[in-house]
Amino acid sequence: MASRKLTPEMVEEATELLLTGVPMDAAAMIFGVSESTMRRTIRHFQMYGRSLWSEYPTLVDDQTAEE
C-alpha cells in the first residue's frame, strides 16, 4: 500500500521535479519524507499507477501506457 504521507498528486509532482533535474534527496525534503520513502513510492507508483492508493493495487498495463 502507498505511503500515507504522499498523495498521488504529490508523487506526480515529485516525478516532474526529478525529470527537470532536481535530486531525489531534495525532492524528498520538499515533500517532507525520507529519500528511501520517496524512491519506494515513486517505484511503486510506476508499477501500479493511481491504484497504489486503492485497497487492492493492480499492475499498470504497459501496452495501455504506450497508446
C-alpha atoms as a PDB file:
ATOM      1  CA  MET A   1       0.000   0.000   0.000  1.00  0.00           C
ATOM      2  CA  ALA A   2       1.114   3.547  -0.702  1.00  0.00           C
ATOM      3  CA  SER A   3       2.775   5.900   1.703  1.00  0.00           C
ATOM      4  CA  ARG A   4       0.152   7.709   3.782  1.00  0.00           C
ATOM      5  CA  LYS A   5       2.321  10.822   3.643  1.00  0.00           C
ATOM      6  CA  LEU A   6       2.296  11.197  -0.137  1.00  0.00           C
ATOM      7  CA  THR A   7      -0.776  11.704  -2.312  1.00  0.00           C
ATOM      8  CA  PRO A   8      -0.899  10.706  -5.981  1.00  0.00           C
ATOM      9  CA  GLU A   9      -0.652  14.379  -6.917  1.00  0.00           C
ATOM     10  CA  MET A  10       2.459  14.810  -4.775  1.00  0.00           C
ATOM     11  CA  VAL A  11       4.128  11.791  -6.407  1.00  0.00           C
ATOM     12  CA  GLU A  12       3.302  13.104  -9.883  1.00  0.00           C
ATOM     13  CA  GLU A  13       4.760  16.499  -8.951  1.00  0.00           C
ATOM     14  CA  ALA A  14       7.873  14.881  -7.472  1.00  0.00           C
ATOM     15  CA  THR A  15       8.327  12.837 -10.658  1.00  0.00           C
ATOM     16  CA  GLU A  16       8.140  16.031 -12.724  1.00  0.00           C
ATOM     17  CA  LEU A  17      10.728  17.682 -10.457  1.00  0.00           C
ATOM     18  CA  LEU A  18      13.063  14.710 -10.886  1.00  0.00           C
ATOM     19  CA  LEU A  19      12.705  14.916 -14.672  1.00  0.00           C
ATOM     20  CA  THR A  20      13.809  18.562 -14.542  1.00  0.00           C
ATOM     21  CA  GLY A  21      16.987  17.638 -12.678  1.00  0.00           C
ATOM     22  CA  VAL A  22      16.038  18.052  -9.024  1.00  0.00           C
ATOM     23  CA  PRO A  23      17.956  15.447  -6.972  1.00  0.00           C
ATOM     24  CA  MET A  24      15.964  12.715  -5.212  1.00  0.00           C
ATOM     25  CA  ASP A  25      17.039  13.859  -1.732  1.00  0.00           C
ATOM     26  CA  ALA A  26      15.892  17.422  -2.472  1.00  0.00           C
ATOM     27  CA  ALA A  27      12.515  16.215  -3.779  1.00  0.00           C
ATOM     28  CA  ALA A  28      12.080  14.109  -0.650  1.00  0.00           C
ATOM     29  CA  MET A  29      12.892  17.104   1.535  1.00  0.00           C
ATOM     30  CA  ILE A  30      10.358  19.273  -0.329  1.00  0.00           C
ATOM     31  CA  PHE A  31       7.595  16.758   0.431  1.00  0.00           C
ATOM     32  CA  GLY A  32       8.724  16.002   3.980  1.00  0.00           C
ATOM     33  CA  VAL A  33       9.601  12.322   3.597  1.00  0.00           C
ATOM     34  CA  SER A  34      12.826  10.347   3.671  1.00  0.00           C
ATOM     35  CA  GLU A  35      14.699   9.699   0.447  1.00  0.00           C
ATOM     36  CA  SER A  36      14.019   5.961   0.737  1.00  0.00           C
ATOM     37  CA  THR A  37      10.261   6.582   1.127  1.00  0.00           C
ATOM     38  CA  MET A  38      10.289   8.834  -1.940  1.00  0.00           C
ATOM     39  CA  ARG A  39      12.212   6.268  -4.017  1.00  0.00           C
ATOM     40  CA  ARG A  40       9.956   3.410  -2.931  1.00  0.00           C
ATOM     41  CA  THR A  41       6.735   5.332  -3.527  1.00  0.00           C
ATOM     42  CA  ILE A  42       7.800   6.520  -6.996  1.00  0.00           C
ATOM     43  CA  ARG A  43       8.884   2.996  -7.930  1.00  0.00           C
ATOM     44  CA  HIS A  44       5.551   1.573  -6.775  1.00  0.00           C
ATOM     45  CA  PHE A  45       3.648   4.395  -8.491  1.00  0.00           C
ATOM     46  CA  GLN A  46       5.347   3.465 -11.764  1.00  0.00           C
ATOM     47  CA  MET A  47       4.275  -0.160 -11.263  1.00  0.00           C
ATOM     48  CA  TYR A  48       0.711   0.399 -10.009  1.00  0.00           C
ATOM     49  CA  GLY A  49      -0.269   3.943 -11.019  1.00  0.00           C
ATOM     50  CA  ARG A  50      -3.048   5.567  -9.013  1.00  0.00           C
ATOM     51  CA  SER A  51      -4.361   2.155  -7.993  1.00  0.00           C
ATOM     52  CA  LEU A  52      -1.493   2.170  -5.471  1.00  0.00           C
ATOM     53  CA  TRP A  53      -3.771   4.166  -3.168  1.00  0.00           C
ATOM     54  CA  SER A  54      -6.634   1.692  -3.503  1.00  0.00           C
ATOM     55  CA  GLU A  55      -7.312  -1.279  -1.269  1.00  0.00           C
ATOM     56  CA  TYR A  56      -6.137  -3.707  -3.982  1.00  0.00           C
ATOM     57  CA  PRO A  57      -3.456  -2.168  -6.243  1.00  0.00           C
ATOM     58  CA  THR A  58      -3.192  -3.616  -9.747  1.00  0.00           C
ATOM     59  CA  LEU A  59      -0.233  -3.515 -12.099  1.00  0.00           C
ATOM     60  CA  VAL A  60      -0.269  -0.908 -14.855  1.00  0.00           C
ATOM     61  CA  ASP A  61      -0.670  -2.464 -18.297  1.00  0.00           C
ATOM     62  CA  ASP A  62       2.418  -1.446 -20.294  1.00  0.00           C
ATOM     63  CA  GLN A  63       0.542  -1.632 -23.613  1.00  0.00           C
ATOM     64  CA  THR A  64      -2.103   0.785 -22.342  1.00  0.00           C
ATOM     65  CA  ALA A  65       0.614   3.208 -21.211  1.00  0.00           C
ATOM     66  CA  GLU A  66       2.130   3.207 -24.706  1.00  0.00           C
ATOM     67  CA  GLU A  67      -1.105   4.107 -26.506  1.00  0.00           C
END
